[in-house]
Protein backbone atom coordinates (compact mmCIF):
# COMPACT_ATOMS: atom_id res chain seq x y z
CA UNK A 1 0.00 0.00 0.00
CA UNK A 2 2.72 2.43 1.01
CA UNK A 3 4.69 1.41 -2.02
CA UNK A 4 1.71 2.21 -4.28
CA UNK A 5 1.27 5.59 -2.65
CA UNK A 6 4.93 6.39 -3.13
CA UNK A 7 4.76 5.37 -6.79
CA UNK A 8 1.65 7.51 -7.29
CA UNK A 9 3.25 10.53 -5.65
CA UNK A 10 6.37 10.06 -7.76
CA UNK A 11 4.32 9.93 -10.93
CA UNK A 12 2.42 13.04 -9.89
CA UNK A 13 5.63 14.94 -9.17
CA UNK A 14 7.09 13.77 -12.47
CA UNK A 15 4.06 15.07 -14.33
CA UNK A 16 4.32 18.41 -12.54
CA UNK A 17 8.01 18.71 -13.33
CA UNK A 18 7.41 17.72 -16.95
CA UNK A 19 4.66 20.34 -17.30
CA UNK A 20 6.88 23.01 -15.76
CA UNK A 21 9.75 22.13 -18.08
CA UNK A 22 7.39 22.11 -21.06
CA UNK A 23 6.02 25.52 -20.08
CA UNK A 24 9.56 26.83 -19.69
CA UNK A 25 10.57 25.56 -23.12
CA UNK A 26 7.45 27.04 -24.72
CA UNK A 27 8.03 30.32 -22.91
CA UNK A 28 11.61 30.50 -24.08
CA UNK A 29 10.55 29.70 -27.61
CA UNK A 30 7.88 32.39 -27.59
CA UNK A 31 10.29 34.85 -26.04
CA UNK A 32 12.94 34.13 -28.61
CA UNK A 33 10.34 34.49 -31.33
CA UNK A 34 9.22 37.85 -29.97
CA UNK A 35 12.78 39.03 -29.63
CA UNK A 36 13.38 37.95 -33.19
CA UNK A 37 10.33 39.92 -34.31
CA UNK A 38 11.49 42.95 -32.35
CA UNK A 39 14.94 42.71 -33.86
CA UNK A 40 13.35 42.55 -37.30
CA UNK A 41 11.21 45.60 -36.52
CA UNK A 42 14.24 47.49 -35.24
CA UNK A 43 16.17 46.61 -38.38
CA UNK A 44 13.36 48.08 -40.49
CA UNK A 45 13.51 51.51 -38.80
CA UNK A 46 16.53 53.70 -39.46
CA UNK A 47 17.15 57.05 -37.77
CA UNK A 48 19.22 59.66 -39.61
CA UNK A 49 21.08 62.47 -37.86
CA UNK A 50 21.83 65.04 -40.54
CA UNK A 51 25.08 67.04 -40.32
CA UNK A 52 24.81 70.80 -40.76
CA UNK A 53 27.13 72.82 -42.98
CA UNK A 54 27.29 76.42 -44.25
CA UNK A 55 24.65 77.50 -46.73
CA UNK A 56 25.00 77.11 -50.48
CA UNK A 57 25.59 80.25 -52.54
CA UNK A 58 23.08 80.81 -55.34
CA UNK A 59 20.13 79.23 -53.55
CA UNK A 60 16.76 80.24 -55.07
CA UNK A 61 15.04 83.51 -54.17
CA UNK A 62 17.76 84.77 -51.85
CA UNK A 63 21.21 86.31 -51.85
CA UNK A 64 22.75 88.86 -54.20
CA UNK A 65 21.24 89.53 -57.61
CA UNK A 66 22.35 91.35 -60.72
CA UNK A 67 20.75 93.49 -63.42
CA UNK A 68 19.53 91.38 -66.31
CA UNK A 69 21.80 91.77 -69.33
CA UNK A 70 24.77 93.21 -67.46
CA UNK A 71 26.74 89.96 -67.54
CA UNK A 72 28.09 87.61 -64.89
CA UNK A 73 31.73 87.86 -65.89
CA UNK A 74 33.21 85.36 -63.43
CA UNK A 75 30.22 82.96 -63.58
CA UNK A 76 29.43 83.53 -59.90
CA UNK A 77 26.59 81.68 -58.13
CA UNK A 78 23.38 83.53 -58.96
CA UNK A 79 19.65 82.99 -58.53
CA UNK A 80 18.03 86.41 -59.14
CA UNK A 81 18.13 88.91 -62.01
CA UNK A 82 16.51 92.35 -61.97
CA UNK A 83 14.47 93.36 -65.01
CA UNK A 84 13.50 97.00 -65.53
CA UNK A 85 10.37 96.61 -67.63
CA UNK A 86 9.81 99.83 -69.57
CA UNK A 87 6.14 100.54 -70.20
CA UNK A 88 6.47 101.25 -73.93
CA UNK A 89 8.03 97.82 -74.49
CA UNK A 90 4.86 95.99 -73.44
CA UNK A 91 2.04 98.51 -73.96
CA UNK A 92 2.33 99.27 -77.66
CA UNK A 93 -1.09 100.65 -78.59
CA UNK A 94 -4.52 101.32 -77.16
CA UNK A 95 -5.51 98.04 -75.51
CA UNK A 96 -2.65 96.32 -77.34
CA UNK A 97 0.11 94.55 -75.42
CA UNK A 98 3.33 92.87 -76.50
CA UNK A 99 3.92 90.22 -73.86
CA UNK A 100 6.32 88.37 -76.15
CA UNK A 101 8.94 90.94 -75.16
CA UNK A 102 8.78 89.92 -71.50
CA UNK A 103 8.33 86.24 -72.39
CA UNK A 104 11.64 86.20 -74.28
CA UNK A 105 13.44 87.77 -71.31
CA UNK A 106 11.96 85.26 -68.89
CA UNK A 107 12.98 82.36 -71.10
CA UNK A 108 16.59 83.56 -71.15
CA UNK A 109 16.51 83.99 -67.38
CA UNK A 110 15.15 80.45 -66.99
CA UNK A 111 17.89 79.07 -69.23
CA UNK A 112 20.36 80.44 -66.66
CA UNK A 113 18.43 78.62 -63.90
CA UNK A 114 17.59 81.94 -62.29
CA UNK A 115 14.41 83.90 -61.55
CA UNK A 116 13.38 87.46 -62.30
CA UNK A 117 12.69 90.49 -60.16
CA UNK A 118 10.53 92.72 -62.36
CA UNK A 119 9.74 96.40 -61.96
CA UNK A 120 7.47 98.29 -64.36
CA UNK A 121 8.91 101.78 -64.97
CA UNK A 122 7.20 104.74 -66.67
CA UNK A 123 9.26 107.64 -65.47
CA UNK A 124 13.07 108.02 -65.42
CA UNK A 125 14.33 111.60 -65.03
CA UNK A 126 17.71 111.04 -66.69
CA UNK A 127 16.30 109.26 -69.76
CA UNK A 128 13.67 109.55 -72.45
CA UNK A 129 10.12 108.89 -71.32
CA UNK A 130 8.89 105.29 -71.26
CA UNK A 131 5.28 106.41 -71.76
CA UNK A 132 4.03 105.13 -75.14
CA UNK A 133 3.66 107.90 -77.70
CA UNK A 134 -0.04 107.24 -78.19
CA UNK A 135 -0.60 107.94 -74.49
CA UNK A 136 1.70 110.99 -74.43
CA UNK A 137 -0.43 112.49 -77.19
CA UNK A 138 -3.52 112.30 -74.95
CA UNK A 139 -2.28 113.27 -71.47
CA UNK A 140 -0.33 116.01 -69.72
CA UNK A 141 3.42 115.45 -69.48
CA UNK A 142 5.45 117.48 -66.97
CA UNK A 143 9.02 118.74 -67.20
CA UNK A 144 11.37 117.67 -64.42
CA UNK A 145 12.53 120.36 -62.02
CA UNK A 146 16.30 120.17 -61.55
CA UNK A 147 16.89 116.94 -63.47
CA UNK A 148 18.49 116.45 -66.85
CA UNK A 149 17.10 114.22 -69.54
CA UNK A 150 14.82 114.25 -72.53
CA UNK A 151 11.94 112.58 -70.73
CA UNK A 152 8.96 113.95 -68.89
CA UNK A 153 6.82 112.75 -66.01
CA UNK A 154 3.20 111.85 -66.77
CA UNK A 155 0.11 113.16 -65.10
CA UNK A 156 -0.53 110.07 -63.01
CA UNK A 157 -4.08 111.22 -62.28
CA UNK A 158 -5.08 111.09 -65.93
CA UNK A 159 -7.96 108.67 -66.44
CA UNK A 160 -6.79 107.51 -69.85
CA UNK A 161 -3.34 106.58 -68.51
CA UNK A 162 -4.90 104.72 -65.57
CA UNK A 163 -7.33 102.72 -67.70
CA UNK A 164 -4.50 101.71 -70.05
CA UNK A 165 -2.39 100.61 -67.08
CA UNK A 166 -5.30 98.62 -65.68
CA UNK A 167 -5.70 96.88 -69.02
CA UNK A 168 -1.98 96.06 -69.09
CA UNK A 169 -1.97 94.63 -65.57
CA UNK A 170 -4.95 92.44 -66.33
CA UNK A 171 -3.07 90.98 -69.30
CA UNK A 172 0.16 90.63 -67.32
CA UNK A 173 -1.61 88.86 -64.47
CA UNK A 174 -3.48 86.49 -66.78
CA UNK A 175 -0.24 85.33 -68.35
CA UNK A 176 2.40 85.65 -65.65
CA UNK A 177 0.84 85.44 -62.17
CA UNK A 178 2.38 82.42 -60.46
CA UNK A 179 4.94 81.96 -63.24
CA UNK A 180 7.94 80.26 -61.56
CA UNK A 181 10.30 82.33 -63.71
CA UNK A 182 9.27 85.41 -61.72
CA UNK A 183 10.49 85.57 -58.14
CA UNK A 184 9.22 89.01 -57.14
CA UNK A 185 7.09 91.64 -58.86
CA UNK A 186 8.00 95.15 -57.75
CA UNK A 187 5.07 97.50 -58.18
CA UNK A 188 7.11 100.33 -59.65
CA UNK A 189 4.62 101.92 -62.09
CA UNK A 190 4.40 105.16 -60.10
CA UNK A 191 7.21 107.65 -59.57
CA UNK A 192 10.73 108.32 -60.72
CA UNK A 193 12.46 105.00 -61.49
CA UNK A 194 9.36 103.27 -60.11
CA UNK A 195 10.36 104.30 -56.58
CA UNK A 196 7.01 105.77 -55.52
CA UNK A 197 8.10 109.40 -55.33
CA UNK A 198 8.13 112.37 -57.72
CA UNK A 199 10.94 114.43 -56.21
CA UNK A 200 11.59 116.31 -59.44
CA UNK A 201 7.97 117.45 -59.78
CA UNK A 202 7.77 120.19 -57.17
CA UNK A 203 4.32 121.58 -58.04
CA UNK A 204 2.01 119.81 -55.58
CA UNK A 205 -0.95 120.21 -57.92
CA UNK A 206 0.82 117.82 -60.30
CA UNK A 207 1.23 115.09 -57.68
CA UNK A 208 -0.97 111.97 -57.75
CA UNK A 209 -3.91 111.83 -55.38
CA UNK A 210 -4.41 109.15 -52.75
CA UNK A 211 -7.19 107.72 -54.90
CA UNK A 212 -4.78 107.42 -57.83
CA UNK A 213 -2.13 105.68 -55.74
CA UNK A 214 -4.72 103.28 -54.31
CA UNK A 215 -5.76 102.44 -57.82
CA UNK A 216 -2.18 101.89 -59.03
CA UNK A 217 -1.39 99.58 -56.13
CA UNK A 218 -4.61 97.62 -56.51
CA UNK A 219 -4.20 97.08 -60.25
CA UNK A 220 -1.04 95.14 -59.43
CA UNK A 221 -2.26 93.28 -56.34
CA UNK A 222 -5.58 92.33 -57.93
CA UNK A 223 -3.79 90.66 -60.82
CA UNK A 224 -0.72 89.21 -59.09
CA UNK A 225 -2.18 87.10 -56.30
CA UNK A 226 0.35 84.26 -56.33
CA UNK A 227 3.55 86.05 -57.31
CA UNK A 228 5.06 87.92 -54.35
CA UNK A 229 4.69 91.71 -54.78
CA UNK A 230 6.84 94.45 -53.24
CA UNK A 231 6.61 98.25 -53.09
CA UNK A 232 9.29 100.86 -52.42
CA UNK A 233 8.03 102.39 -49.18
CA UNK A 234 5.68 101.62 -46.30
CA UNK A 235 2.80 104.10 -46.27
CA UNK A 236 -0.95 104.23 -45.70
CA UNK A 237 -2.06 101.93 -48.52
CA UNK A 238 0.74 99.39 -48.13
CA UNK A 239 -0.04 99.23 -44.41
CA UNK A 240 -3.48 97.78 -45.10
CA UNK A 241 -2.60 95.53 -48.05
CA UNK A 242 -0.64 92.31 -48.32
CA UNK A 243 2.62 93.43 -49.87
CA UNK A 244 6.36 93.32 -49.17
CA UNK A 245 8.95 96.07 -49.56
CA UNK A 246 12.11 96.87 -51.49
CA UNK A 247 14.79 99.26 -50.20
CA UNK A 248 16.83 100.68 -53.07
CA UNK A 249 19.58 102.18 -50.89
CA UNK A 250 20.25 99.31 -48.51
CA UNK A 251 23.28 100.10 -46.35
CA UNK A 252 23.08 103.88 -46.74
CA UNK A 253 22.69 105.23 -43.20
CA UNK A 254 20.46 108.18 -44.16
CA UNK A 255 18.15 106.08 -46.30
CA UNK A 256 18.12 103.31 -43.69
CA UNK A 257 16.95 105.84 -41.10
CA UNK A 258 14.18 107.01 -43.43
CA UNK A 259 13.04 103.45 -44.09
CA UNK A 260 13.07 102.72 -40.35
CA UNK A 261 10.92 105.77 -39.69
CA UNK A 262 8.32 104.62 -42.22
CA UNK A 263 8.33 101.04 -40.94
CA UNK A 264 7.69 102.26 -37.40
CA UNK A 265 5.15 104.91 -38.40
CA UNK A 266 3.01 102.43 -40.30
CA UNK A 267 3.57 99.55 -37.87
CA UNK A 268 4.85 97.03 -40.41
CA UNK A 269 7.93 95.79 -38.55
CA UNK A 270 6.60 92.20 -38.69
CA UNK A 271 5.59 92.32 -42.35
CA UNK A 272 8.62 90.20 -43.29
CA UNK A 273 7.05 87.17 -41.63
CA UNK A 274 4.57 86.81 -44.49
CA UNK A 275 5.81 89.14 -47.26
CA UNK A 276 9.32 89.54 -48.62
CA UNK A 277 11.82 92.35 -48.07
CA UNK A 278 14.48 92.99 -50.70
CA UNK A 279 16.23 95.86 -52.37
CA UNK A 280 19.52 97.09 -53.74
CA UNK A 281 22.81 97.57 -51.99
CA UNK A 282 23.61 101.30 -52.12
CA UNK A 283 25.25 101.60 -55.60
CA UNK A 284 27.75 104.18 -54.34
CA UNK A 285 29.10 101.71 -51.78
CA UNK A 286 29.07 98.43 -53.70
CA UNK A 287 32.75 98.57 -54.66
CA UNK A 288 33.88 99.19 -51.07
CA UNK A 289 31.18 97.46 -49.01
CA UNK A 290 33.18 94.38 -48.09
CA UNK A 291 36.70 95.78 -47.99
CA UNK A 292 36.73 95.68 -44.17
CA UNK A 293 35.06 93.81 -41.33
CA UNK A 294 33.54 97.06 -40.05
CA UNK A 295 31.82 97.87 -43.34
CA UNK A 296 30.70 94.28 -43.71
CA UNK A 297 29.16 94.34 -40.25
CA UNK A 298 26.98 97.29 -41.26
CA UNK A 299 25.50 95.19 -44.06
CA UNK A 300 25.07 92.16 -41.78
CA UNK A 301 23.28 94.33 -39.22
CA UNK A 302 20.94 95.70 -41.90
CA UNK A 303 20.18 92.20 -43.17
CA UNK A 304 19.19 91.07 -39.69
CA UNK A 305 17.31 94.28 -38.94
CA UNK A 306 15.18 94.23 -42.10
CA UNK A 307 15.03 90.43 -42.44
CA UNK A 308 16.11 91.00 -46.04
CA UNK A 309 15.93 88.05 -48.43
CA UNK A 310 17.84 89.50 -51.36
CA UNK A 311 19.79 92.53 -52.54
CA UNK A 312 20.91 93.68 -55.97
CA UNK A 313 24.69 94.06 -56.05
CA UNK A 314 25.47 94.50 -59.71
CA UNK A 315 29.03 95.82 -59.35
CA UNK A 316 30.41 92.55 -58.05
CA UNK A 317 29.05 90.49 -60.94
CA UNK A 318 31.18 92.56 -63.29
CA UNK A 319 34.46 91.52 -61.65
CA UNK A 320 36.81 89.24 -63.54
CA UNK A 321 38.02 85.86 -62.34
CA UNK A 322 41.47 87.40 -61.77
CA UNK A 323 39.93 90.06 -59.53
CA UNK A 324 38.04 87.39 -57.57
CA UNK A 325 41.25 85.42 -57.01
CA UNK A 326 43.27 88.45 -55.86
CA UNK A 327 40.61 89.75 -53.44
CA UNK A 328 39.94 86.58 -51.47
CA UNK A 329 39.21 88.32 -48.15
CA UNK A 330 36.79 90.73 -49.83
CA UNK A 331 35.02 87.80 -51.50
CA UNK A 332 34.92 85.82 -48.26
CA UNK A 333 33.19 88.71 -46.47
CA UNK A 334 30.71 89.07 -49.32
CA UNK A 335 29.93 85.36 -49.28
CA UNK A 336 29.26 85.57 -45.55
CA UNK A 337 26.81 88.40 -46.21
CA UNK A 338 25.11 86.48 -49.01
CA UNK A 339 24.61 83.40 -46.85
CA UNK A 340 22.93 85.55 -44.19
CA UNK A 341 20.33 86.95 -46.59
CA UNK A 342 16.93 85.25 -46.47
CA UNK A 343 16.20 81.71 -45.32
CA UNK A 344 18.73 79.04 -44.38
CA UNK A 345 16.92 75.72 -44.29
CA UNK A 346 18.60 72.55 -43.06
CA UNK A 347 17.51 69.06 -42.02
CA UNK A 348 18.02 68.08 -38.39
CA UNK A 349 16.81 64.48 -38.22
CA UNK A 350 14.97 61.92 -40.27
CA UNK A 351 13.52 58.43 -40.04
CA UNK A 352 13.05 55.69 -42.61
CA UNK A 353 10.62 52.85 -41.84
CA UNK A 354 10.75 50.01 -44.37
CA UNK A 355 7.64 47.86 -44.54
CA UNK A 356 6.85 44.92 -46.81
CA UNK A 357 5.69 47.08 -49.73
CA UNK A 358 6.20 50.70 -48.63
CA UNK A 359 8.74 53.09 -47.14
CA UNK A 360 7.62 55.68 -44.62
CA UNK A 361 9.84 58.78 -44.53
CA UNK A 362 9.96 61.41 -41.80
CA UNK A 363 12.12 64.54 -41.69
CA UNK A 364 12.42 67.74 -39.66
CA UNK A 365 13.61 70.92 -41.40
CA UNK A 366 14.80 73.95 -39.41
CA UNK A 367 15.58 77.55 -40.39
CA UNK A 368 18.39 79.62 -38.86
CA UNK A 369 18.27 82.38 -41.49
CA UNK A 370 16.71 85.83 -41.09
CA UNK A 371 13.52 85.24 -43.09
CA UNK A 372 11.19 82.42 -44.13
CA UNK A 373 10.77 80.99 -47.60
CA UNK A 374 7.79 82.76 -49.18
CA UNK A 375 6.48 80.30 -51.78
CA UNK A 376 4.56 77.04 -51.54
CA UNK A 377 7.19 74.75 -53.01
CA UNK A 378 6.66 71.03 -52.54
CA UNK A 379 9.12 68.38 -51.39
CA UNK A 380 9.79 65.51 -53.80
CA UNK A 381 10.77 62.13 -52.33
CA UNK A 382 12.65 59.50 -54.25
CA UNK A 383 14.78 56.38 -54.42
CA UNK A 384 18.27 56.56 -55.93
CA UNK A 385 20.79 53.99 -57.02
CA UNK A 386 23.24 53.92 -54.07
CA UNK A 387 26.27 53.92 -56.39
CA UNK A 388 25.34 56.00 -59.46
CA UNK A 389 22.65 58.10 -57.72
CA UNK A 390 20.44 57.70 -60.76
CA UNK A 391 16.78 58.34 -59.93
CA UNK A 392 14.77 55.11 -59.77
CA UNK A 393 11.58 56.64 -58.40
CA UNK A 394 10.40 60.19 -57.64
CA UNK A 395 7.08 61.45 -56.27
CA UNK A 396 5.87 64.97 -55.52
CA UNK A 397 4.35 65.23 -52.04
CA UNK A 398 2.00 67.76 -50.49
CA UNK A 399 4.75 68.68 -48.00
CA UNK A 400 5.07 72.47 -48.28
CA UNK A 401 8.22 74.35 -47.18
CA UNK A 402 6.51 77.75 -47.04
CA UNK A 403 6.83 79.96 -44.00
CA UNK A 404 9.25 78.26 -41.59
CA UNK A 405 10.22 81.26 -39.48
CA UNK A 406 13.78 81.82 -38.21
CA UNK A 407 14.75 79.65 -35.23
CA UNK A 408 11.78 77.32 -35.76
CA UNK A 409 11.35 73.98 -37.50
CA UNK A 410 8.69 71.90 -39.20
CA UNK A 411 8.30 68.12 -39.45
CA UNK A 412 7.13 66.32 -42.56
CA UNK A 413 6.21 62.74 -43.43
CA UNK A 414 5.51 60.86 -46.63
CA UNK A 415 5.05 57.23 -47.67
CA UNK A 416 6.40 55.72 -50.87
CA UNK A 417 4.01 52.89 -51.74
CA UNK A 418 4.21 49.90 -54.08
CA UNK A 419 7.82 49.21 -53.19
CA UNK A 420 9.05 45.75 -54.22
CA UNK A 421 11.92 43.76 -52.75
CA UNK A 422 14.33 44.84 -55.50
CA UNK A 423 13.96 48.48 -54.38
CA UNK A 424 14.62 47.87 -50.69
CA UNK A 425 18.34 48.60 -50.97
CA UNK A 426 17.97 51.88 -52.86
CA UNK A 427 18.94 55.17 -51.19
CA UNK A 428 16.07 57.28 -49.87
CA UNK A 429 16.37 60.98 -50.76
CA UNK A 430 14.40 64.19 -51.20
CA UNK A 431 14.70 67.33 -53.26
CA UNK A 432 12.87 70.65 -53.65
CA UNK A 433 12.62 71.81 -57.30
CA UNK A 434 12.20 75.45 -58.26
CA UNK A 435 10.39 75.40 -61.57
CA UNK A 436 13.43 76.83 -63.39
CA UNK A 437 15.56 73.68 -63.34
CA UNK A 438 17.25 74.52 -60.06
CA UNK A 439 16.74 73.28 -56.51
CA UNK A 440 16.54 74.66 -53.01
CA UNK A 441 19.58 73.16 -51.30
CA UNK A 442 19.52 72.36 -47.59
CA UNK A 443 22.58 73.25 -45.52
CA UNK A 444 23.67 69.68 -44.83
CA UNK A 445 26.69 67.57 -45.70
CA UNK A 446 24.29 64.97 -47.14
CA UNK A 447 23.01 67.56 -49.66
CA UNK A 448 24.09 67.00 -53.26
CA UNK A 449 24.30 69.89 -55.72
CA UNK A 450 21.89 68.07 -58.06
CA UNK A 451 19.19 68.77 -55.47
CA UNK A 452 19.02 65.41 -53.68
CA UNK A 453 19.40 65.25 -49.91
CA UNK A 454 20.47 61.71 -49.06
CA UNK A 455 19.10 59.88 -46.02
CA UNK A 456 22.44 58.39 -44.99
């Protein structure tokens, strides 16, 4: 009896031990399986820490620009060209426009992978009038007081002139609003050199009325709703309308003080956050601006103060390659100033998550420049051959780089779908095309000059 009990207890204990061992084995197996799954998941997610570098010269819609047609002797990096659009070149008869003239200019600018800054000019005291003859024959034209030149200033209040200008702007807007070849449209139109003043017309009765100036500004803004518009000075009408500014004597202390007074008077100190600020480096100082650290600092301070995105600096583009090589310190200071102008976008971190038939991409882009980027350009994501960098796949996303303010960042995500096994080893990349065969380059070591930022 005792022996039977002992045998029974032994069998019971054996069963218990066997069950425990079986449970342990199963648990280990499940655990190993889970760990294996986790390892596989971890292998499918890759985190990228992008390395920052100094900004690229010639990035779109920022930096130093030149006058169209003046020549870039040393083939310097360039993204912007200024076009003075004379009225009689495009308005050639009553309700007759010649937009082919501007079209041909824009095509040449695009061929150079640059974009245009356009200002319509009617009135230039030192030159012949740009008012079409058929209009001059129907309106009052005024002699300049104290200025040489064969031209005359028009009566800006004349109804016939205004209706012809309105017709022109309607045609210009229909064809060119949102055209990627145009970076900025400067209102011009009114005043000497399109600078919104008539200094050389001293008779106040010959000055334009507020109603006229409202009308001139609105004919531009009502027809250019996508293209970024700028006007020479802050004043009553520009205070209440969505428009940026251009400062034609940037770096000149007296003119800077005047611009500051207007900015403060009309409370537009934050306008740069949504509308661009550009201008021209004081022409009398362009040849000496960067000859010392002190003079350079004045320009850097102005750039920060105005949050300027671009500045015409035509003198420098006329230098020869020999001059560039023998003035290395001057050029280095200028390059520092150019990099400070406008936005400076760079990637901080990214993630790639590879699934069975898709790749999820995440990236954060920061801005440590002085201004945002003002257009709604879209990020393209792609897959490249890891050796030749040939594009195997490219898709435009809805990710929009517009408006990242200085010292802020924005995160984006996008999924490339229908990825097969043969594509799993390709290099993930992104690029931001301009519409004129150039690219916005991020300030990272992983950024290639062909536009692609590599996730590696």
